[in-house]
PDB file of N, CA and C in Angstrom:
ATOM      1  N   MET A   1     112.440 115.639 127.968  1.00  0.00           N
ATOM      2  CA  MET A   1     111.615 114.787 127.111  1.00  0.00           C
ATOM      3  C   MET A   1     111.777 115.272 125.672  1.00  0.00           C
ATOM      4  N   ASP A   2     112.077 114.364 124.787  1.00  0.00           N
ATOM      5  CA  ASP A   2     112.173 114.680 123.363  1.00  0.00           C
ATOM      6  C   ASP A   2     110.827 114.487 122.697  1.00  0.00           C
ATOM      7  N   THR A   3     110.669 115.176 121.579  1.00  0.00           N
ATOM      8  CA  THR A   3     109.438 115.053 120.786  1.00  0.00           C
ATOM      9  C   THR A   3     109.813 114.966 119.322  1.00  0.00           C
ATOM     10  N   VAL A   4     109.136 114.079 118.611  1.00  0.00           N
ATOM     11  CA  VAL A   4     109.223 114.014 117.154  1.00  0.00           C
ATOM     12  C   VAL A   4     107.878 114.462 116.627  1.00  0.00           C
ATOM     13  N   LEU A   5     107.898 115.348 115.668  1.00  0.00           N
ATOM     14  CA  LEU A   5     106.683 115.845 115.035  1.00  0.00           C
ATOM     15  C   LEU A   5     106.669 115.385 113.586  1.00  0.00           C
ATOM     16  N   VAL A   6     105.586 114.731 113.184  1.00  0.00           N
ATOM     17  CA  VAL A   6     105.457 114.279 111.799  1.00  0.00           C
ATOM     18  C   VAL A   6     104.112 114.784 111.265  1.00  0.00           C
ATOM     19  N   THR A   7     104.185 115.569 110.201  1.00  0.00           N
ATOM     20  CA  THR A   7     102.973 116.144 109.616  1.00  0.00           C
ATOM     21  C   THR A   7     102.984 115.960 108.104  1.00  0.00           C
ATOM     22  N   TYR A   8     101.968 115.287 107.615  1.00  0.00           N
ATOM     23  CA  TYR A   8     101.752 115.098 106.178  1.00  0.00           C
ATOM     24  C   TYR A   8     103.004 114.626 105.449  1.00  0.00           C
ATOM     25  N   THR A   9     103.690 113.652 106.050  1.00  0.00           N
ATOM     26  CA  THR A   9     104.864 113.081 105.398  1.00  0.00           C
ATOM     27  C   THR A   9     104.798 111.565 105.276  1.00  0.00           C
ATOM     28  N   LEU A  10     104.086 110.897 106.177  1.00  0.00           N
ATOM     29  CA  LEU A  10     104.014 109.434 106.118  1.00  0.00           C
ATOM     30  C   LEU A  10     103.361 108.949 104.833  1.00  0.00           C
ATOM     31  N   CYS A  11     102.600 109.809 104.182  1.00  0.00           N
ATOM     32  CA  CYS A  11     101.977 109.428 102.916  1.00  0.00           C
ATOM     33  C   CYS A  11     102.992 109.311 101.793  1.00  0.00           C
ATOM     34  N   THR A  12     104.144 109.961 101.944  1.00  0.00           N
ATOM     35  CA  THR A  12     105.096 110.060 100.842  1.00  0.00           C
ATOM     36  C   THR A  12     106.367 109.252 101.051  1.00  0.00           C
ATOM     37  N   ILE A  13     106.751 109.001 102.274  1.00  0.00           N
ATOM     38  CA  ILE A  13     107.984 108.260 102.552  1.00  0.00           C
ATOM     39  C   ILE A  13     107.844 106.835 102.013  1.00  0.00           C
ATOM     40  N   ALA A  14     108.799 106.427 101.192  1.00  0.00           N
ATOM     41  CA  ALA A  14     108.711 105.111 100.549  1.00  0.00           C
ATOM     42  C   ALA A  14     108.612 103.979 101.573  1.00  0.00           C
ATOM     43  N   ASP A  15     109.464 103.976 102.589  1.00  0.00           N
ATOM     44  CA  ASP A  15     109.422 102.942 103.627  1.00  0.00           C
ATOM     45  C   ASP A  15     109.035 103.614 104.938  1.00  0.00           C
ATOM     46  N   ALA A  16     107.753 103.870 105.085  1.00  0.00           N
ATOM     47  CA  ALA A  16     107.262 104.599 106.252  1.00  0.00           C
ATOM     48  C   ALA A  16     107.491 103.825 107.546  1.00  0.00           C
ATOM     49  N   THR A  17     107.441 102.509 107.500  1.00  0.00           N
ATOM     50  CA  THR A  17     107.685 101.721 108.706  1.00  0.00           C
ATOM     51  C   THR A  17     109.120 101.918 109.181  1.00  0.00           C
ATOM     52  N   ALA A  18     110.073 101.878 108.269  1.00  0.00           N
ATOM     53  CA  ALA A  18     111.476 102.101 108.636  1.00  0.00           C
ATOM     54  C   ALA A  18     111.661 103.510 109.194  1.00  0.00           C
ATOM     55  N   ALA A  19     110.975 104.482 108.629  1.00  0.00           N
ATOM     56  CA  ALA A  19     111.067 105.855 109.137  1.00  0.00           C
ATOM     57  C   ALA A  19     110.517 105.939 110.559  1.00  0.00           C
ATOM     58  N   MET A  20     109.396 105.258 110.820  1.00  0.00           N
ATOM     59  CA  MET A  20     108.827 105.253 112.164  1.00  0.00           C
ATOM     60  C   MET A  20     109.777 104.575 113.146  1.00  0.00           C
ATOM     61  N   GLU A  21     110.389 103.474 112.737  1.00  0.00           N
ATOM     62  CA  GLU A  21     111.340 102.775 113.602  1.00  0.00           C
ATOM     63  C   GLU A  21     112.533 103.673 113.932  1.00  0.00           C
ATOM     64  N   GLU A  22     112.985 104.460 112.966  1.00  0.00           N
ATOM     65  CA  GLU A  22     114.103 105.382 113.204  1.00  0.00           C
ATOM     66  C   GLU A  22     113.684 106.508 114.143  1.00  0.00           C
ATOM     67  N   MET A  23     112.464 107.002 113.993  1.00  0.00           N
ATOM     68  CA  MET A  23     111.967 108.024 114.925  1.00  0.00           C
ATOM     69  C   MET A  23     111.958 107.469 116.346  1.00  0.00           C
ATOM     70  N   ARG A  24     111.493 106.238 116.501  1.00  0.00           N
ATOM     71  CA  ARG A  24     111.478 105.600 117.818  1.00  0.00           C
ATOM     72  C   ARG A  24     112.894 105.441 118.357  1.00  0.00           C
ATOM     73  N   ARG A  25     113.808 105.050 117.489  1.00  0.00           N
ATOM     74  CA  ARG A  25     115.190 104.832 117.922  1.00  0.00           C
ATOM     75  C   ARG A  25     115.821 106.104 118.480  1.00  0.00           C
ATOM     76  N   VAL A  26     115.592 107.238 117.870  1.00  0.00           N
ATOM     77  CA  VAL A  26     116.270 108.467 118.289  1.00  0.00           C
ATOM     78  C   VAL A  26     115.588 109.172 119.457  1.00  0.00           C
ATOM     79  N   LEU A  27     114.373 108.790 119.786  1.00  0.00           N
ATOM     80  CA  LEU A  27     113.693 109.416 120.925  1.00  0.00           C
ATOM     81  C   LEU A  27     114.319 108.974 122.240  1.00  0.00           C
ATOM     82  N   LYS A  28     114.438 109.913 123.160  1.00  0.00           N
ATOM     83  CA  LYS A  28     114.866 109.575 124.515  1.00  0.00           C
ATOM     84  C   LYS A  28     113.750 108.797 125.193  1.00  0.00           C
ATOM     85  N   PRO A  29     114.069 107.992 126.194  1.00  0.00           N
ATOM     86  CA  PRO A  29     113.009 107.329 126.956  1.00  0.00           C
ATOM     87  C   PRO A  29     112.018 108.378 127.484  1.00  0.00           C
ATOM     88  N   GLY A  30     110.759 108.079 127.341  1.00  0.00           N
ATOM     89  CA  GLY A  30     109.727 109.033 127.749  1.00  0.00           C
ATOM     90  C   GLY A  30     109.370 110.030 126.660  1.00  0.00           C
ATOM     91  N   GLY A  31     110.064 109.961 125.534  1.00  0.00           N
ATOM     92  CA  GLY A  31     109.779 110.870 124.437  1.00  0.00           C
ATOM     93  C   GLY A  31     108.439 110.567 123.797  1.00  0.00           C
ATOM     94  N   ARG A  32     107.983 111.499 122.993  1.00  0.00           N
ATOM     95  CA  ARG A  32     106.674 111.320 122.366  1.00  0.00           C
ATOM     96  C   ARG A  32     106.715 111.663 120.883  1.00  0.00           C
ATOM     97  N   LEU A  33     105.753 111.135 120.198  1.00  0.00           N
ATOM     98  CA  LEU A  33     105.529 111.401 118.783  1.00  0.00           C
ATOM     99  C   LEU A  33     104.227 112.177 118.665  1.00  0.00           C
ATOM    100  N   LEU A  34     104.260 113.296 117.985  1.00  0.00           N
ATOM    101  CA  LEU A  34     103.058 114.043 117.645  1.00  0.00           C
ATOM    102  C   LEU A  34     102.840 113.868 116.156  1.00  0.00           C
ATOM    103  N   PHE A  35     101.608 113.575 115.742  1.00  0.00           N
ATOM    104  CA  PHE A  35     101.365 113.323 114.328  1.00  0.00           C
ATOM    105  C   PHE A  35     100.089 114.011 113.842  1.00  0.00           C
ATOM    106  N   CYS A  36     100.134 114.383 112.588  1.00  0.00           N
ATOM    107  CA  CYS A  36      98.980 114.907 111.856  1.00  0.00           C
ATOM    108  C   CYS A  36      99.175 114.446 110.413  1.00  0.00           C
ATOM    109  N   GLU A  37      98.331 113.549 109.976  1.00  0.00           N
ATOM    110  CA  GLU A  37      98.501 112.907 108.669  1.00  0.00           C
ATOM    111  C   GLU A  37      97.151 112.665 108.011  1.00  0.00           C
ATOM    112  N   HIS A  38      97.166 112.511 106.699  1.00  0.00           N
ATOM    113  CA  HIS A  38      95.957 112.072 106.001  1.00  0.00           C
ATOM    114  C   HIS A  38      96.173 110.635 105.559  1.00  0.00           C
ATOM    115  N   GLY A  39      95.060 109.896 105.412  1.00  0.00           N
ATOM    116  CA  GLY A  39      95.221 108.506 105.032  1.00  0.00           C
ATOM    117  C   GLY A  39      93.909 107.822 104.733  1.00  0.00           C
ATOM    118  N   ILE A  40      93.928 106.511 104.905  1.00  0.00           N
ATOM    119  CA  ILE A  40      92.801 105.665 104.545  1.00  0.00           C
ATOM    120  C   ILE A  40      91.546 106.086 105.306  1.00  0.00           C
ATOM    121  N   ALA A  41      90.449 106.165 104.592  1.00  0.00           N
ATOM    122  CA  ALA A  41      89.174 106.599 105.169  1.00  0.00           C
ATOM    123  C   ALA A  41      88.428 105.419 105.791  1.00  0.00           C
ATOM    124  N   PRO A  42      87.530 105.693 106.738  1.00  0.00           N
ATOM    125  CA  PRO A  42      86.779 104.615 107.373  1.00  0.00           C
ATOM    126  C   PRO A  42      85.607 104.115 106.527  1.00  0.00           C
ATOM    127  N   ASP A  43      85.171 104.901 105.577  1.00  0.00           N
ATOM    128  CA  ASP A  43      83.999 104.552 104.773  1.00  0.00           C
ATOM    129  C   ASP A  43      84.403 103.708 103.570  1.00  0.00           C
ATOM    130  N   GLU A  44      83.775 102.551 103.426  1.00  0.00           N
ATOM    131  CA  GLU A  44      84.128 101.596 102.373  1.00  0.00           C
ATOM    132  C   GLU A  44      84.109 102.230 100.983  1.00  0.00           C
ATOM    133  N   ASN A  45      83.099 103.008 100.669  1.00  0.00           N
ATOM    134  CA  ASN A  45      83.003 103.622  99.346  1.00  0.00           C
ATOM    135  C   ASN A  45      84.179 104.575  99.091  1.00  0.00           C
ATOM    136  N   VAL A  46      84.539 105.366 100.080  1.00  0.00           N
ATOM    137  CA  VAL A  46      85.675 106.289  99.936  1.00  0.00           C
ATOM    138  C   VAL A  46      86.969 105.487  99.809  1.00  0.00           C
ATOM    139  N   ARG A  47      87.120 104.436 100.629  1.00  0.00           N
ATOM    140  CA  ARG A  47      88.323 103.585 100.540  1.00  0.00           C
ATOM    141  C   ARG A  47      88.479 102.973  99.157  1.00  0.00           C
ATOM    142  N   ARG A  48      87.375 102.501  98.572  1.00  0.00           N
ATOM    143  CA  ARG A  48      87.461 101.926  97.216  1.00  0.00           C
ATOM    144  C   ARG A  48      88.005 102.961  96.236  1.00  0.00           C
ATOM    145  N   TRP A  49      87.507 104.189  96.335  1.00  0.00           N
ATOM    146  CA  TRP A  49      87.999 105.236  95.439  1.00  0.00           C
ATOM    147  C   TRP A  49      89.459 105.582  95.740  1.00  0.00           C
ATOM    148  N   GLN A  50      89.835 105.578  97.000  1.00  0.00           N
ATOM    149  CA  GLN A  50      91.233 105.836  97.338  1.00  0.00           C
ATOM    150  C   GLN A  50      92.141 104.791  96.683  1.00  0.00           C
ATOM    151  N   HIS A  51      91.753 103.530  96.767  1.00  0.00           N
ATOM    152  CA  HIS A  51      92.567 102.469  96.165  1.00  0.00           C
ATOM    153  C   HIS A  51      92.600 102.585  94.636  1.00  0.00           C
ATOM    154  N   ARG A  52      91.482 102.942  94.034  1.00  0.00           N
ATOM    155  CA  ARG A  52      91.432 103.099  92.567  1.00  0.00           C
ATOM    156  C   ARG A  52      92.294 104.257  92.089  1.00  0.00           C
ATOM    157  N   LEU A  53      92.196 105.381  92.781  1.00  0.00           N
ATOM    158  CA  LEU A  53      92.864 106.602  92.327  1.00  0.00           C
ATOM    159  C   LEU A  53      94.321 106.707  92.767  1.00  0.00           C
ATOM    160  N   ASN A  54      94.708 105.949  93.774  1.00  0.00           N
ATOM    161  CA  ASN A  54      96.039 106.113  94.357  1.00  0.00           C
ATOM    162  C   ASN A  54      97.194 105.968  93.361  1.00  0.00           C
ATOM    163  N   PRO A  55      97.206 104.984  92.465  1.00  0.00           N
ATOM    164  CA  PRO A  55      98.358 104.880  91.554  1.00  0.00           C
ATOM    165  C   PRO A  55      98.579 106.154  90.720  1.00  0.00           C
ATOM    166  N   ALA A  56      97.514 106.696  90.172  1.00  0.00           N
ATOM    167  CA  ALA A  56      97.653 107.924  89.380  1.00  0.00           C
ATOM    168  C   ALA A  56      97.987 109.112  90.279  1.00  0.00           C
ATOM    169  N   TRP A  57      97.321 109.195  91.427  1.00  0.00           N
ATOM    170  CA  TRP A  57      97.562 110.299  92.355  1.00  0.00           C
ATOM    171  C   TRP A  57      99.032 110.310  92.801  1.00  0.00           C
ATOM    172  N   SER A  58      99.552 109.152  93.132  1.00  0.00           N
ATOM    173  CA  SER A  58     100.927 109.066  93.603  1.00  0.00           C
ATOM    174  C   SER A  58     101.918 109.564  92.544  1.00  0.00           C
ATOM    175  N   ARG A  59     101.647 109.244  91.284  1.00  0.00           N
ATOM    176  CA  ARG A  59     102.535 109.702  90.198  1.00  0.00           C
ATOM    177  C   ARG A  59     102.498 111.216  90.040  1.00  0.00           C
ATOM    178  N   ILE A  60     101.329 111.813  90.150  1.00  0.00           N
ATOM    179  CA  ILE A  60     101.238 113.265  89.915  1.00  0.00           C
ATOM    180  C   ILE A  60     101.465 114.094  91.175  1.00  0.00           C
ATOM    181  N   ALA A  61     101.444 113.447  92.347  1.00  0.00           N
ATOM    182  CA  ALA A  61     101.554 114.186  93.610  1.00  0.00           C
ATOM    183  C   ALA A  61     102.865 113.885  94.347  1.00  0.00           C
ATOM    184  N   GLY A  62     103.909 113.597  93.606  1.00  0.00           N
ATOM    185  CA  GLY A  62     105.224 113.446  94.217  1.00  0.00           C
ATOM    186  C   GLY A  62     105.379 112.252  95.133  1.00  0.00           C
ATOM    187  N   GLY A  63     104.625 111.195  94.887  1.00  0.00           N
ATOM    188  CA  GLY A  63     104.735 109.992  95.694  1.00  0.00           C
ATOM    189  C   GLY A  63     103.753 109.912  96.848  1.00  0.00           C
ATOM    190  N   CYS A  64     102.883 110.888  96.978  1.00  0.00           N
ATOM    191  CA  CYS A  64     101.865 110.875  98.035  1.00  0.00           C
ATOM    192  C   CYS A  64     100.906 109.706  97.813  1.00  0.00           C
ATOM    193  N   ASN A  65     100.590 109.001  98.891  1.00  0.00           N
ATOM    194  CA  ASN A  65      99.628 107.902  98.868  1.00  0.00           C
ATOM    195  C   ASN A  65      98.436 108.284  99.723  1.00  0.00           C
ATOM    196  N   MET A  66      97.269 108.290  99.130  1.00  0.00           N
ATOM    197  CA  MET A  66      96.068 108.706  99.857  1.00  0.00           C
ATOM    198  C   MET A  66      95.456 107.591 100.681  1.00  0.00           C
ATOM    199  N   ASN A  67      95.988 106.387 100.559  1.00  0.00           N
ATOM    200  CA  ASN A  67      95.341 105.237 101.188  1.00  0.00           C
ATOM    201  C   ASN A  67      96.227 104.518 102.210  1.00  0.00           C
ATOM    202  N   ARG A  68      97.076 105.225 102.883  1.00  0.00           N
ATOM    203  CA  ARG A  68      97.932 104.589 103.890  1.00  0.00           C
ATOM    204  C   ARG A  68      97.198 104.484 105.227  1.00  0.00           C
ATOM    205  N   ASP A  69      97.462 103.369 105.918  1.00  0.00           N
ATOM    206  CA  ASP A  69      96.901 103.117 107.242  1.00  0.00           C
ATOM    207  C   ASP A  69      97.811 103.783 108.274  1.00  0.00           C
ATOM    208  N   ILE A  70      97.520 105.010 108.616  1.00  0.00           N
ATOM    209  CA  ILE A  70      98.397 105.790 109.488  1.00  0.00           C
ATOM    210  C   ILE A  70      98.533 105.165 110.880  1.00  0.00           C
ATOM    211  N   PRO A  71      97.437 104.820 111.566  1.00  0.00           N
ATOM    212  CA  PRO A  71      97.622 104.184 112.874  1.00  0.00           C
ATOM    213  C   PRO A  71      98.416 102.878 112.775  1.00  0.00           C
ATOM    214  N   GLY A  72      98.204 102.118 111.720  1.00  0.00           N
ATOM    215  CA  GLY A  72      98.951 100.885 111.519  1.00  0.00           C
ATOM    216  C   GLY A  72     100.437 101.135 111.349  1.00  0.00           C
ATOM    217  N   LEU A  73     100.798 102.159 110.584  1.00  0.00           N
ATOM    218  CA  LEU A  73     102.212 102.493 110.397  1.00  0.00           C
ATOM    219  C   LEU A  73     102.856 102.914 111.712  1.00  0.00           C
ATOM    220  N   ILE A  74     102.123 103.690 112.495  1.00  0.00           N
ATOM    221  CA  ILE A  74     102.664 104.176 113.766  1.00  0.00           C
ATOM    222  C   ILE A  74     102.892 103.007 114.726  1.00  0.00           C
ATOM    223  N   THR A  75     101.919 102.136 114.855  1.00  0.00           N
ATOM    224  CA  THR A  75     102.082 101.008 115.781  1.00  0.00           C
ATOM    225  C   THR A  75     103.103  99.997 115.259  1.00  0.00           C
ATOM    226  N   LYS A  76     103.127  99.756 113.960  1.00  0.00           N
ATOM    227  CA  LYS A  76     104.115  98.839 113.387  1.00  0.00           C
ATOM    228  C   LYS A  76     105.534  99.371 113.578  1.00  0.00           C
ATOM    229  N   GLY A  77     105.659 100.683 113.646  1.00  0.00           N
ATOM    230  CA  GLY A  77     106.967 101.309 113.851  1.00  0.00           C
ATOM    231  C   GLY A  77     107.433 101.319 115.287  1.00  0.00           C
ATOM    232  N   GLY A  78     106.643 100.741 116.195  1.00  0.00           N
ATOM    233  CA  GLY A  78     107.087 100.620 117.575  1.00  0.00           C
ATOM    234  C   GLY A  78     106.514 101.648 118.530  1.00  0.00           C
ATOM    235  N   PHE A  79     105.361 102.203 118.188  1.00  0.00           N
ATOM    236  CA  PHE A  79     104.724 103.197 119.046  1.00  0.00           C
ATOM    237  C   PHE A  79     103.367 102.705 119.536  1.00  0.00           C
ATOM    238  N   GLU A  80     102.962 103.244 120.678  1.00  0.00           N
ATOM    239  CA  GLU A  80     101.611 103.040 121.200  1.00  0.00           C
ATOM    240  C   GLU A  80     100.901 104.388 121.118  1.00  0.00           C
ATOM    241  N   ILE A  81      99.792 104.426 120.413  1.00  0.00           N
ATOM    242  CA  ILE A  81      99.040 105.668 120.267  1.00  0.00           C
ATOM    243  C   ILE A  81      98.319 105.954 121.582  1.00  0.00           C
ATOM    244  N   THR A  82      98.533 107.168 122.104  1.00  0.00           N
ATOM    245  CA  THR A  82      97.939 107.552 123.384  1.00  0.00           C
ATOM    246  C   THR A  82      96.828 108.586 123.233  1.00  0.00           C
ATOM    247  N   ALA A  83      96.787 109.256 122.128  1.00  0.00           N
ATOM    248  CA  ALA A  83      95.695 110.193 121.814  1.00  0.00           C
ATOM    249  C   ALA A  83      95.458 110.091 120.322  1.00  0.00           C
ATOM    250  N   ASP A  84      94.204 109.932 119.929  1.00  0.00           N
ATOM    251  CA  ASP A  84      93.882 109.639 118.527  1.00  0.00           C
ATOM    252  C   ASP A  84      92.585 110.355 118.153  1.00  0.00           C
ATOM    253  N   GLU A  85      92.699 111.303 117.259  1.00  0.00           N
ATOM    254  CA  GLU A  85      91.515 111.985 116.747  1.00  0.00           C
ATOM    255  C   GLU A  85      91.492 111.818 115.233  1.00  0.00           C
ATOM    256  N   ARG A  86      90.279 111.739 114.689  1.00  0.00           N
ATOM    257  CA  ARG A  86      90.129 111.486 113.250  1.00  0.00           C
ATOM    258  C   ARG A  86      88.886 112.188 112.740  1.00  0.00           C
ATOM    259  N   MET A  87      88.981 112.666 111.508  1.00  0.00           N
ATOM    260  CA  MET A  87      87.799 113.239 110.870  1.00  0.00           C
ATOM    261  C   MET A  87      88.128 113.622 109.430  1.00  0.00           C
ATOM    262  N   TYR A  88      87.079 113.813 108.640  1.00  0.00           N
ATOM    263  CA  TYR A  88      87.250 114.400 107.322  1.00  0.00           C
ATOM    264  C   TYR A  88      87.411 115.903 107.520  1.00  0.00           C
ATOM    265  N   ILE A  89      88.443 116.465 106.897  1.00  0.00           N
ATOM    266  CA  ILE A  89      88.554 117.922 106.871  1.00  0.00           C
ATOM    267  C   ILE A  89      87.969 118.381 105.538  1.00  0.00           C
ATOM    268  N   PRO A  90      87.677 119.671 105.386  1.00  0.00           N
ATOM    269  CA  PRO A  90      87.077 120.128 104.131  1.00  0.00           C
ATOM    270  C   PRO A  90      87.939 119.783 102.914  1.00  0.00           C
ATOM    271  N   GLY A  91      87.270 119.369 101.855  1.00  0.00           N
ATOM    272  CA  GLY A  91      87.948 119.007 100.615  1.00  0.00           C
ATOM    273  C   GLY A  91      87.417 117.697 100.079  1.00  0.00           C
ATOM    274  N   ALA A  92      88.080 117.184  99.066  1.00  0.00           N
ATOM    275  CA  ALA A  92      87.688 115.911  98.458  1.00  0.00           C
ATOM    276  C   ALA A  92      87.888 114.787  99.476  1.00  0.00           C
ATOM    277  N   LYS A  93      86.846 114.016  99.733  1.00  0.00           N
ATOM    278  CA  LYS A  93      86.909 112.978 100.770  1.00  0.00           C
ATOM    279  C   LYS A  93      88.063 112.003 100.558  1.00  0.00           C
ATOM    280  N   VAL A  94      88.393 111.684  99.312  1.00  0.00           N
ATOM    281  CA  VAL A  94      89.476 110.715  99.076  1.00  0.00           C
ATOM    282  C   VAL A  94      90.827 111.230  99.571  1.00  0.00           C
ATOM    283  N   LEU A  95      90.956 112.530  99.733  1.00  0.00           N
ATOM    284  CA  LEU A  95      92.220 113.128 100.162  1.00  0.00           C
ATOM    285  C   LEU A  95      92.177 113.702 101.571  1.00  0.00           C
ATOM    286  N   CYS A  96      91.016 113.747 102.182  1.00  0.00           N
ATOM    287  CA  CYS A  96      90.866 114.585 103.373  1.00  0.00           C
ATOM    288  C   CYS A  96      90.465 113.873 104.651  1.00  0.00           C
ATOM    289  N   TYR A  97      90.701 112.565 104.741  1.00  0.00           N
ATOM    290  CA  TYR A  97      90.488 111.932 106.036  1.00  0.00           C
ATOM    291  C   TYR A  97      91.781 112.095 106.817  1.00  0.00           C
ATOM    292  N   ASN A  98      91.702 112.746 107.974  1.00  0.00           N
ATOM    293  CA  ASN A  98      92.895 113.098 108.746  1.00  0.00           C
ATOM    294  C   ASN A  98      92.932 112.410 110.100  1.00  0.00           C
ATOM    295  N   TYR A  99      94.159 112.143 110.507  1.00  0.00           N
ATOM    296  CA  TYR A  99      94.469 111.555 111.806  1.00  0.00           C
ATOM    297  C   TYR A  99      95.408 112.520 112.517  1.00  0.00           C
ATOM    298  N   TRP A 100      95.185 112.756 113.799  1.00  0.00           N
ATOM    299  CA  TRP A 100      96.163 113.506 114.581  1.00  0.00           C
ATOM    300  C   TRP A 100      96.119 113.025 116.013  1.00  0.00           C
ATOM    301  N   GLY A 101      97.280 113.163 116.666  1.00  0.00           N
ATOM    302  CA  GLY A 101      97.340 112.715 118.042  1.00  0.00           C
ATOM    303  C   GLY A 101      98.762 112.594 118.545  1.00  0.00           C
ATOM    304  N   ARG A 102      98.908 111.743 119.573  1.00  0.00           N
ATOM    305  CA  ARG A 102     100.193 111.521 120.228  1.00  0.00           C
ATOM    306  C   ARG A 102     100.444 110.018 120.359  1.00  0.00           C
ATOM    307  N   ALA A 103     101.712 109.677 120.428  1.00  0.00           N
ATOM    308  CA  ALA A 103     102.092 108.282 120.657  1.00  0.00           C
ATOM    309  C   ALA A 103     103.367 108.268 121.472  1.00  0.00           C
ATOM    310  N   ARG A 104     103.596 107.142 122.116  1.00  0.00           N
ATOM    311  CA  ARG A 104     104.839 106.972 122.878  1.00  0.00           C
ATOM    312  C   ARG A 104     105.541 105.727 122.354  1.00  0.00           C
ATOM    313  N   ALA A 105     106.846 105.773 122.431  1.00  0.00           N
ATOM    314  CA  ALA A 105     107.652 104.645 121.970  1.00  0.00           C
ATOM    315  C   ALA A 105     107.460 103.451 122.901  1.00  0.00           C
ATOM    316  N   VAL A 106     107.321 102.290 122.320  1.00  0.00           N
ATOM    317  CA  VAL A 106     107.262 101.046 123.079  1.00  0.00           C
ATOM    318  C   VAL A 106     108.675 100.486 123.110  1.00  0.00           C
ATOM    319  N   ARG A 107     109.217 100.320 124.266  1.00  0.00           N
ATOM    320  CA  ARG A 107     110.624  99.855 124.386  1.00  0.00           C
ATOM    321  C   ARG A 107     110.680  98.391 124.695  1.00  0.00           C
TER     322      ARG A 107
END
């Protein structure tokens, strides 16, 4: 069984959907994706600030986007999420909503 591990990179990859599709393509049947990423927060007030601050943040943080829909990118890339945990980790809420879990390629 092959495994792809993606940690704190989907925020920066310009075409994250294409990257997810490529990860799915190279996995052997039965392979899995392990992920740990930060992204869009569930709270409307935090999301508004993420959208407001993201253009400036992306310029100063090497292309990092604080407001990406991580589960959406994973499923759009051809995966089914099989384990999904989420929470704010310590730090500024606009930067610290985290997703981690497992997914399997949908063939």
